[in-house]
Amino acid sequence: MMRNGLRSACTVMALCLPAGAAVADGSTTYAFDGSFEDATFGVENAIIAEGLVIDYVSHVGEMLNRTGADVGSDVKIFDAAEIFLFCSAQLSRKVMEADPANVAHCPYSVFVTDRDGAVEVGYRNLPDGPMQEVQALLDSIARAATDN
């Protein structure tokens, strides 16, 4: 029952997304027509343009490539992948005043991936309610970075 409800919610959400967006497995992604480096530059600029500070950049693609053999895998998942972590004092206070459990979603993140030359920018979908204002910010950043 829960799975069908989730599928219905995802279907409704997909209908509300702008053209070019894809929703899968709890995330929204936008294709980027350009290099991985240009996409990461676009994400960085879009975050800064919102008046936010990037706290950390996780080089998850490098980590996965470096540790594959150590965990017994020869599968290359990404050519490159980075996750930009940041927060908004104003939005964080607002959503956590509404529900202190929303701390679980902070810091916020936007990711860039490159798989076989297909570059995407995306973010993790957040729960209904107050967190949708944060999701709108993430969507704005991803769209600005990809010109969508």
N, C-alpha and C. Protein backbone atom coordinates (compact mmCIF):
# COMPACT_ATOMS: atom_id res chain seq x y z
N MET A 1 0.82 -1.20 0.00
CA MET A 1 0.00 0.00 0.00
C MET A 1 0.87 1.26 0.00
N MET A 2 1.87 1.30 0.88
CA MET A 2 2.75 2.47 0.94
C MET A 2 3.46 2.66 -0.41
N ARG A 3 3.89 1.58 -1.01
CA ARG A 3 4.60 1.67 -2.27
C ARG A 3 3.72 2.28 -3.36
N ASN A 4 2.45 1.89 -3.43
CA ASN A 4 1.55 2.46 -4.42
C ASN A 4 1.31 3.94 -4.15
N GLY A 5 1.20 4.31 -2.88
CA GLY A 5 1.02 5.71 -2.52
C GLY A 5 2.23 6.54 -2.92
N LEU A 6 3.42 5.97 -2.69
CA LEU A 6 4.64 6.65 -3.08
C LEU A 6 4.73 6.80 -4.59
N ARG A 7 4.35 5.75 -5.31
CA ARG A 7 4.38 5.80 -6.77
C ARG A 7 3.41 6.87 -7.27
N SER A 8 2.23 6.96 -6.66
CA SER A 8 1.26 7.98 -7.06
C SER A 8 1.78 9.38 -6.78
N ALA A 9 2.42 9.55 -5.62
CA ALA A 9 2.98 10.85 -5.28
C ALA A 9 4.07 11.24 -6.25
N CYS A 10 4.91 10.27 -6.62
CA CYS A 10 5.98 10.56 -7.59
C CYS A 10 5.40 10.91 -8.95
N THR A 11 4.32 10.24 -9.35
CA THR A 11 3.68 10.53 -10.63
C THR A 11 3.14 11.95 -10.62
N VAL A 12 2.46 12.33 -9.55
CA VAL A 12 1.92 13.69 -9.45
C VAL A 12 3.06 14.70 -9.45
N MET A 13 4.12 14.43 -8.70
CA MET A 13 5.24 15.35 -8.65
C MET A 13 5.89 15.49 -10.02
N ALA A 14 6.03 14.41 -10.75
CA ALA A 14 6.64 14.46 -12.08
C ALA A 14 5.82 15.33 -13.02
N LEU A 15 4.52 15.33 -12.86
CA LEU A 15 3.66 16.15 -13.70
C LEU A 15 3.85 17.63 -13.42
N CYS A 16 4.31 17.96 -12.22
CA CYS A 16 4.49 19.35 -11.82
C CYS A 16 5.89 19.88 -12.09
N LEU A 17 6.80 19.02 -12.52
CA LEU A 17 8.17 19.44 -12.76
C LEU A 17 8.31 20.16 -14.10
N PRO A 18 9.28 21.04 -14.19
CA PRO A 18 9.53 21.71 -15.46
C PRO A 18 10.06 20.72 -16.49
N ALA A 19 9.95 21.09 -17.74
CA ALA A 19 10.47 20.25 -18.81
C ALA A 19 11.96 20.03 -18.61
N GLY A 20 12.42 18.83 -18.91
CA GLY A 20 13.83 18.52 -18.78
C GLY A 20 14.20 17.89 -17.46
N ALA A 21 13.30 17.90 -16.49
CA ALA A 21 13.60 17.31 -15.19
C ALA A 21 13.20 15.84 -15.20
N ALA A 22 13.97 15.04 -14.45
CA ALA A 22 13.65 13.63 -14.30
C ALA A 22 13.61 13.30 -12.82
N VAL A 23 12.64 12.50 -12.40
CA VAL A 23 12.53 12.07 -11.01
C VAL A 23 12.73 10.57 -10.97
N ALA A 24 13.67 10.13 -10.12
CA ALA A 24 13.91 8.69 -9.97
C ALA A 24 14.54 8.43 -8.62
N ASP A 25 14.06 7.40 -7.97
CA ASP A 25 14.65 6.96 -6.71
C ASP A 25 14.87 8.09 -5.71
N GLY A 26 13.91 8.96 -5.57
CA GLY A 26 13.99 9.99 -4.56
C GLY A 26 14.82 11.20 -4.91
N SER A 27 15.17 11.37 -6.18
CA SER A 27 15.94 12.55 -6.57
C SER A 27 15.39 13.12 -7.86
N THR A 28 15.71 14.38 -8.08
CA THR A 28 15.35 15.07 -9.31
C THR A 28 16.64 15.45 -10.00
N THR A 29 16.72 15.19 -11.30
CA THR A 29 17.94 15.52 -12.05
C THR A 29 17.60 16.29 -13.32
N TYR A 30 18.57 17.07 -13.76
CA TYR A 30 18.48 17.80 -15.02
C TYR A 30 19.72 17.45 -15.84
N ALA A 31 19.52 17.16 -17.11
CA ALA A 31 20.65 16.93 -18.00
C ALA A 31 21.40 18.23 -18.21
N PHE A 32 22.71 18.12 -18.31
CA PHE A 32 23.55 19.29 -18.56
C PHE A 32 24.24 19.11 -19.90
N ASP A 33 24.11 20.09 -20.76
CA ASP A 33 24.72 20.02 -22.08
C ASP A 33 26.09 20.68 -22.01
N GLY A 34 27.08 19.90 -21.58
CA GLY A 34 28.43 20.42 -21.45
C GLY A 34 29.26 19.46 -20.61
N SER A 35 30.43 19.92 -20.23
CA SER A 35 31.37 19.07 -19.49
C SER A 35 31.01 19.02 -18.00
N PHE A 36 31.55 18.02 -17.34
CA PHE A 36 31.39 17.88 -15.90
C PHE A 36 31.94 19.11 -15.20
N GLU A 37 33.10 19.57 -15.62
CA GLU A 37 33.72 20.74 -15.01
C GLU A 37 32.85 21.98 -15.16
N ASP A 38 32.24 22.16 -16.32
CA ASP A 38 31.34 23.29 -16.52
C ASP A 38 30.10 23.17 -15.63
N ALA A 39 29.61 21.96 -15.46
CA ALA A 39 28.43 21.75 -14.60
C ALA A 39 28.76 22.06 -13.15
N THR A 40 29.92 21.60 -12.65
CA THR A 40 30.27 21.90 -11.26
C THR A 40 30.48 23.40 -11.06
N PHE A 41 31.05 24.06 -12.06
CA PHE A 41 31.23 25.51 -12.00
C PHE A 41 29.86 26.19 -11.94
N GLY A 42 28.91 25.70 -12.75
CA GLY A 42 27.56 26.25 -12.75
C GLY A 42 26.85 26.08 -11.42
N VAL A 43 27.01 24.91 -10.80
CA VAL A 43 26.39 24.66 -9.49
C VAL A 43 27.01 25.58 -8.44
N GLU A 44 28.32 25.67 -8.43
CA GLU A 44 29.00 26.53 -7.47
C GLU A 44 28.51 27.97 -7.61
N ASN A 45 28.44 28.47 -8.83
CA ASN A 45 27.98 29.84 -9.05
C ASN A 45 26.52 30.03 -8.67
N ALA A 46 25.68 29.03 -8.93
CA ALA A 46 24.26 29.14 -8.60
C ALA A 46 24.05 29.18 -7.09
N ILE A 47 24.85 28.42 -6.35
CA ILE A 47 24.74 28.43 -4.88
C ILE A 47 25.19 29.79 -4.35
N ILE A 48 26.32 30.26 -4.83
CA ILE A 48 26.84 31.55 -4.39
C ILE A 48 25.89 32.68 -4.76
N ALA A 49 25.25 32.60 -5.93
CA ALA A 49 24.30 33.62 -6.37
C ALA A 49 23.10 33.72 -5.44
N GLU A 50 22.79 32.64 -4.73
CA GLU A 50 21.70 32.66 -3.74
C GLU A 50 22.15 33.27 -2.41
N GLY A 51 23.42 33.70 -2.35
CA GLY A 51 23.95 34.28 -1.12
C GLY A 51 24.36 33.23 -0.10
N LEU A 52 24.59 32.01 -0.57
CA LEU A 52 24.92 30.90 0.32
C LEU A 52 26.41 30.56 0.22
N VAL A 53 26.91 29.88 1.22
CA VAL A 53 28.30 29.48 1.29
C VAL A 53 28.37 27.96 1.17
N ILE A 54 29.24 27.47 0.31
CA ILE A 54 29.45 26.02 0.18
C ILE A 54 30.33 25.58 1.35
N ASP A 55 29.78 24.68 2.18
CA ASP A 55 30.51 24.20 3.34
C ASP A 55 31.52 23.12 2.98
N TYR A 56 31.17 22.28 2.00
CA TYR A 56 32.01 21.14 1.68
C TYR A 56 31.65 20.62 0.29
N VAL A 57 32.65 20.13 -0.42
CA VAL A 57 32.40 19.44 -1.67
C VAL A 57 32.90 18.01 -1.49
N SER A 58 31.98 17.06 -1.59
CA SER A 58 32.30 15.65 -1.46
C SER A 58 32.65 15.11 -2.84
N HIS A 59 33.84 14.55 -2.95
CA HIS A 59 34.33 14.00 -4.23
C HIS A 59 34.00 12.51 -4.27
N VAL A 60 32.71 12.21 -4.28
CA VAL A 60 32.23 10.84 -4.17
C VAL A 60 32.66 9.99 -5.36
N GLY A 61 32.73 10.56 -6.53
CA GLY A 61 33.16 9.80 -7.71
C GLY A 61 34.58 9.31 -7.56
N GLU A 62 35.48 10.20 -7.11
CA GLU A 62 36.87 9.80 -6.88
C GLU A 62 36.96 8.71 -5.83
N MET A 63 36.19 8.85 -4.74
CA MET A 63 36.21 7.86 -3.68
C MET A 63 35.76 6.50 -4.18
N LEU A 64 34.67 6.46 -4.95
CA LEU A 64 34.18 5.19 -5.48
C LEU A 64 35.18 4.55 -6.42
N ASN A 65 35.79 5.34 -7.28
CA ASN A 65 36.78 4.81 -8.21
C ASN A 65 38.03 4.31 -7.48
N ARG A 66 38.43 5.03 -6.45
CA ARG A 66 39.64 4.67 -5.69
C ARG A 66 39.44 3.41 -4.85
N THR A 67 38.24 3.20 -4.33
CA THR A 67 38.02 2.11 -3.37
C THR A 67 37.36 0.88 -3.97
N GLY A 68 37.02 0.92 -5.25
CA GLY A 68 36.33 -0.22 -5.87
C GLY A 68 37.05 -1.54 -5.65
N ALA A 69 38.32 -1.59 -5.98
CA ALA A 69 39.09 -2.83 -5.83
C ALA A 69 39.16 -3.27 -4.36
N ASP A 70 39.21 -2.29 -3.45
CA ASP A 70 39.30 -2.61 -2.02
C ASP A 70 38.06 -3.34 -1.51
N VAL A 71 36.92 -3.10 -2.15
CA VAL A 71 35.68 -3.75 -1.73
C VAL A 71 35.26 -4.87 -2.69
N GLY A 72 36.18 -5.26 -3.56
CA GLY A 72 35.94 -6.39 -4.44
C GLY A 72 35.09 -6.10 -5.66
N SER A 73 35.14 -4.87 -6.16
CA SER A 73 34.33 -4.51 -7.31
C SER A 73 35.20 -3.90 -8.40
N ASP A 74 34.88 -4.23 -9.66
CA ASP A 74 35.56 -3.60 -10.78
C ASP A 74 34.59 -2.75 -11.60
N VAL A 75 33.42 -2.46 -11.01
CA VAL A 75 32.39 -1.66 -11.68
C VAL A 75 32.71 -0.17 -11.50
N LYS A 76 32.78 0.53 -12.61
CA LYS A 76 32.95 1.99 -12.57
C LYS A 76 31.56 2.61 -12.65
N ILE A 77 31.13 3.23 -11.56
CA ILE A 77 29.78 3.79 -11.48
C ILE A 77 29.72 5.14 -12.18
N PHE A 78 30.66 6.01 -11.87
CA PHE A 78 30.69 7.36 -12.43
C PHE A 78 32.07 7.64 -13.01
N ASP A 79 32.10 8.41 -14.07
CA ASP A 79 33.37 8.97 -14.52
C ASP A 79 33.78 10.06 -13.54
N ALA A 80 32.79 10.78 -13.01
CA ALA A 80 33.02 11.81 -12.01
C ALA A 80 31.71 12.07 -11.29
N ALA A 81 31.81 12.43 -10.01
CA ALA A 81 30.62 12.78 -9.23
C ALA A 81 31.05 13.62 -8.03
N GLU A 82 30.37 14.74 -7.83
CA GLU A 82 30.62 15.60 -6.69
C GLU A 82 29.31 16.05 -6.09
N ILE A 83 29.33 16.23 -4.77
CA ILE A 83 28.15 16.69 -4.05
C ILE A 83 28.52 17.97 -3.31
N PHE A 84 27.78 19.03 -3.56
CA PHE A 84 28.00 20.32 -2.92
C PHE A 84 27.08 20.44 -1.72
N LEU A 85 27.66 20.64 -0.53
CA LEU A 85 26.89 20.76 0.71
C LEU A 85 26.89 22.21 1.18
N PHE A 86 25.72 22.69 1.57
CA PHE A 86 25.57 24.07 2.00
C PHE A 86 24.32 24.18 2.86
N CYS A 87 24.15 25.33 3.47
CA CYS A 87 22.97 25.55 4.29
C CYS A 87 22.47 26.98 4.10
N SER A 88 21.25 27.19 4.49
CA SER A 88 20.66 28.53 4.49
C SER A 88 20.18 28.79 5.91
N ALA A 89 20.79 29.73 6.60
CA ALA A 89 20.39 30.03 7.97
C ALA A 89 18.91 30.39 8.05
N GLN A 90 18.46 31.20 7.10
CA GLN A 90 17.07 31.65 7.12
C GLN A 90 16.10 30.48 6.91
N LEU A 91 16.31 29.69 5.86
CA LEU A 91 15.41 28.56 5.59
C LEU A 91 15.54 27.48 6.65
N SER A 92 16.74 27.21 7.10
CA SER A 92 16.93 26.17 8.11
C SER A 92 16.18 26.52 9.39
N ARG A 93 16.29 27.76 9.82
CA ARG A 93 15.57 28.18 11.02
C ARG A 93 14.06 28.02 10.81
N LYS A 94 13.59 28.43 9.67
CA LYS A 94 12.16 28.37 9.39
C LYS A 94 11.64 26.93 9.42
N VAL A 95 12.33 26.03 8.73
CA VAL A 95 11.83 24.64 8.66
C VAL A 95 12.03 23.90 9.97
N MET A 96 13.06 24.26 10.74
CA MET A 96 13.28 23.58 12.01
C MET A 96 12.41 24.15 13.12
N GLU A 97 11.99 25.41 12.99
CA GLU A 97 10.99 25.94 13.93
C GLU A 97 9.66 25.24 13.68
N ALA A 98 9.37 24.92 12.42
CA ALA A 98 8.14 24.21 12.09
C ALA A 98 8.18 22.78 12.61
N ASP A 99 9.36 22.15 12.54
CA ASP A 99 9.53 20.78 13.02
C ASP A 99 11.01 20.55 13.25
N PRO A 100 11.44 20.48 14.51
CA PRO A 100 12.86 20.28 14.80
C PRO A 100 13.45 19.03 14.14
N ALA A 101 12.64 18.04 13.80
CA ALA A 101 13.13 16.83 13.14
C ALA A 101 13.66 17.12 11.74
N ASN A 102 13.35 18.28 11.19
CA ASN A 102 13.86 18.65 9.87
C ASN A 102 15.37 18.85 9.87
N VAL A 103 15.99 18.82 11.05
CA VAL A 103 17.45 18.87 11.13
C VAL A 103 18.07 17.72 10.35
N ALA A 104 17.33 16.64 10.18
CA ALA A 104 17.82 15.47 9.45
C ALA A 104 18.14 15.78 7.99
N HIS A 105 17.60 16.85 7.45
CA HIS A 105 17.79 17.19 6.04
C HIS A 105 18.89 18.22 5.82
N CYS A 106 19.52 18.66 6.89
CA CYS A 106 20.54 19.69 6.80
C CYS A 106 21.92 19.05 6.97
N PRO A 107 22.95 19.40 6.25
CA PRO A 107 22.97 20.45 5.24
C PRO A 107 22.28 20.00 3.96
N TYR A 108 21.98 20.94 3.11
CA TYR A 108 21.33 20.67 1.83
C TYR A 108 22.41 20.35 0.80
N SER A 109 22.01 19.68 -0.25
CA SER A 109 23.02 19.29 -1.23
C SER A 109 22.48 19.30 -2.65
N VAL A 110 23.40 19.57 -3.57
CA VAL A 110 23.16 19.46 -5.01
C VAL A 110 24.33 18.65 -5.55
N PHE A 111 24.02 17.67 -6.41
CA PHE A 111 25.08 16.82 -6.94
C PHE A 111 25.23 16.99 -8.44
N VAL A 112 26.44 16.65 -8.90
CA VAL A 112 26.76 16.63 -10.33
C VAL A 112 27.36 15.27 -10.61
N THR A 113 26.86 14.59 -11.65
CA THR A 113 27.41 13.29 -12.03
C THR A 113 27.74 13.26 -13.52
N ASP A 114 28.70 12.42 -13.85
CA ASP A 114 29.06 12.16 -15.24
C ASP A 114 29.14 10.65 -15.40
N ARG A 115 28.25 10.10 -16.22
CA ARG A 115 28.26 8.68 -16.54
C ARG A 115 28.33 8.55 -18.05
N ASP A 116 29.48 8.08 -18.51
CA ASP A 116 29.67 7.88 -19.95
C ASP A 116 29.37 9.13 -20.77
N GLY A 117 29.76 10.29 -20.24
CA GLY A 117 29.57 11.54 -20.95
C GLY A 117 28.22 12.20 -20.75
N ALA A 118 27.31 11.52 -20.04
CA ALA A 118 26.01 12.11 -19.73
C ALA A 118 26.12 12.81 -18.38
N VAL A 119 26.14 14.14 -18.41
CA VAL A 119 26.31 14.93 -17.20
C VAL A 119 24.93 15.36 -16.69
N GLU A 120 24.72 15.20 -15.38
CA GLU A 120 23.45 15.59 -14.76
C GLU A 120 23.71 16.37 -13.49
N VAL A 121 22.77 17.25 -13.19
CA VAL A 121 22.77 18.02 -11.95
C VAL A 121 21.47 17.68 -11.25
N GLY A 122 21.53 17.43 -9.95
CA GLY A 122 20.31 17.08 -9.25
C GLY A 122 20.38 17.28 -7.75
N TYR A 123 19.31 16.86 -7.11
CA TYR A 123 19.19 16.99 -5.66
C TYR A 123 18.24 15.91 -5.15
N ARG A 124 18.35 15.63 -3.87
CA ARG A 124 17.49 14.67 -3.19
C ARG A 124 16.13 15.33 -2.94
N ASN A 125 15.05 14.62 -3.24
CA ASN A 125 13.72 15.15 -2.98
C ASN A 125 13.45 15.15 -1.48
N LEU A 126 12.79 16.18 -1.03
CA LEU A 126 12.52 16.36 0.40
C LEU A 126 11.05 16.11 0.69
N PRO A 127 10.72 15.85 1.97
CA PRO A 127 9.33 15.52 2.32
C PRO A 127 8.37 16.70 2.14
N ASP A 128 7.10 16.37 2.02
CA ASP A 128 6.06 17.38 1.93
C ASP A 128 6.07 18.25 3.18
N GLY A 129 5.45 19.39 3.07
CA GLY A 129 5.38 20.30 4.21
C GLY A 129 6.42 21.39 4.09
N PRO A 130 6.93 21.87 5.23
CA PRO A 130 7.86 23.00 5.23
C PRO A 130 9.11 22.77 4.39
N MET A 131 9.56 21.52 4.26
CA MET A 131 10.78 21.25 3.50
C MET A 131 10.63 21.52 2.01
N GLN A 132 9.41 21.68 1.54
CA GLN A 132 9.22 21.98 0.12
C GLN A 132 9.78 23.35 -0.26
N GLU A 133 9.88 24.25 0.71
CA GLU A 133 10.50 25.54 0.42
C GLU A 133 12.00 25.36 0.17
N VAL A 134 12.63 24.45 0.91
CA VAL A 134 14.04 24.13 0.67
C VAL A 134 14.18 23.44 -0.68
N GLN A 135 13.26 22.52 -0.97
CA GLN A 135 13.32 21.82 -2.25
C GLN A 135 13.19 22.81 -3.41
N ALA A 136 12.38 23.83 -3.25
CA ALA A 136 12.25 24.85 -4.30
C ALA A 136 13.59 25.57 -4.50
N LEU A 137 14.31 25.82 -3.41
CA LEU A 137 15.64 26.43 -3.51
C LEU A 137 16.59 25.50 -4.26
N LEU A 138 16.59 24.21 -3.90
CA LEU A 138 17.46 23.24 -4.57
C LEU A 138 17.13 23.16 -6.06
N ASP A 139 15.85 23.18 -6.38
CA ASP A 139 15.44 23.12 -7.77
C ASP A 139 15.89 24.37 -8.52
N SER A 140 15.78 25.51 -7.88
CA SER A 140 16.22 26.76 -8.48
C SER A 140 17.71 26.73 -8.78
N ILE A 141 18.49 26.20 -7.85
CA ILE A 141 19.94 26.10 -8.04
C ILE A 141 20.25 25.15 -9.19
N ALA A 142 19.62 23.98 -9.20
CA ALA A 142 19.88 22.98 -10.26
C ALA A 142 19.47 23.53 -11.62
N ARG A 143 18.34 24.22 -11.68
CA ARG A 143 17.89 24.78 -12.95
C ARG A 143 18.81 25.90 -13.42
N ALA A 144 19.26 26.73 -12.50
CA ALA A 144 20.18 27.82 -12.88
C ALA A 144 21.49 27.24 -13.41
N ALA A 145 21.96 26.19 -12.78
CA ALA A 145 23.24 25.58 -13.21
C ALA A 145 23.14 24.90 -14.57
N THR A 146 21.95 24.47 -14.92
CA THR A 146 21.77 23.74 -16.20
C THR A 146 21.03 24.54 -17.26
N ASP A 147 20.71 25.78 -16.95
CA ASP A 147 19.95 26.65 -17.86
C ASP A 147 18.59 26.06 -18.22
N ASN A 148 17.93 25.43 -17.25
CA ASN A 148 16.58 24.87 -17.45
C ASN A 148 15.53 25.80 -16.87
